[in-house]
């Protein structure tokens, strides 16, 4: 996969004629426990959306459903017109899911972990070097990941996202565990993604920071998306992104 976004990346349509993410009444339940409840969503390509809600609201599960990491209990989901169940392998080539924690092999070095990602996404060795330098891990690339601090592991995940060249980024708490320079790094990556017309969904509790960058916001509570939400930050309404959702509070 190349690192540049065009209207046709390796067979997927990223123009405005196809939704980047389309969810139709998608649900996820474990026994009687409903985690995501009948969510409907259409997200245009090139947009950055803030996904927010309390702990346990369903944010991570929703991201995993879109990333084809979880199979929905009911409903359908497409990414650039590809079904996340039937076309799961192809979807994963064009989606980069960045979890809050984990995602790497502790017994491998930082560079070795990124080599795996490089081959999966079809990136070049030069792109890997550039990603390590961008996140400030060039000098630590030879260390085992199990010896990384939590902030270094988060930076390694950001390097993977940068390296992937994916058309869709799904970021779960990207600011967590980072110092001020790391948070500034996330801001820069998100701004680049917007310029390159990548589609980004960011689950974050750092509302004040993410609101400033997002095109729209999704509020989720008990697995449902809402068109209105409680005000959690002191931000003038005319500077906040619009809320999108399919349930009334």
Foldseek 3Di string as FASTA:
>chain_A
DDLADDCADPHFGQAQVFFQKFWAQFWAADVPQTQAGGFTDTHHFLFEEEEEEDPSLNQVVVLCCQLLVDPTPDTWMDGSNHTCPVCVLVSNLQEQEQALDDDFDQQAFLLVRLVVLCVSNVFDPVLLCVLCVLLVCNVRRRPRNVPDDSQVRLSSSSSSVSRNSHLEYEEEASVPPHDPVSVVSVVVVLVVSSVSRRYYYYHHPPCVVVQQRGQEYWYGGSNATEQDDDDDDPDPPVSGHGYDGDDHD
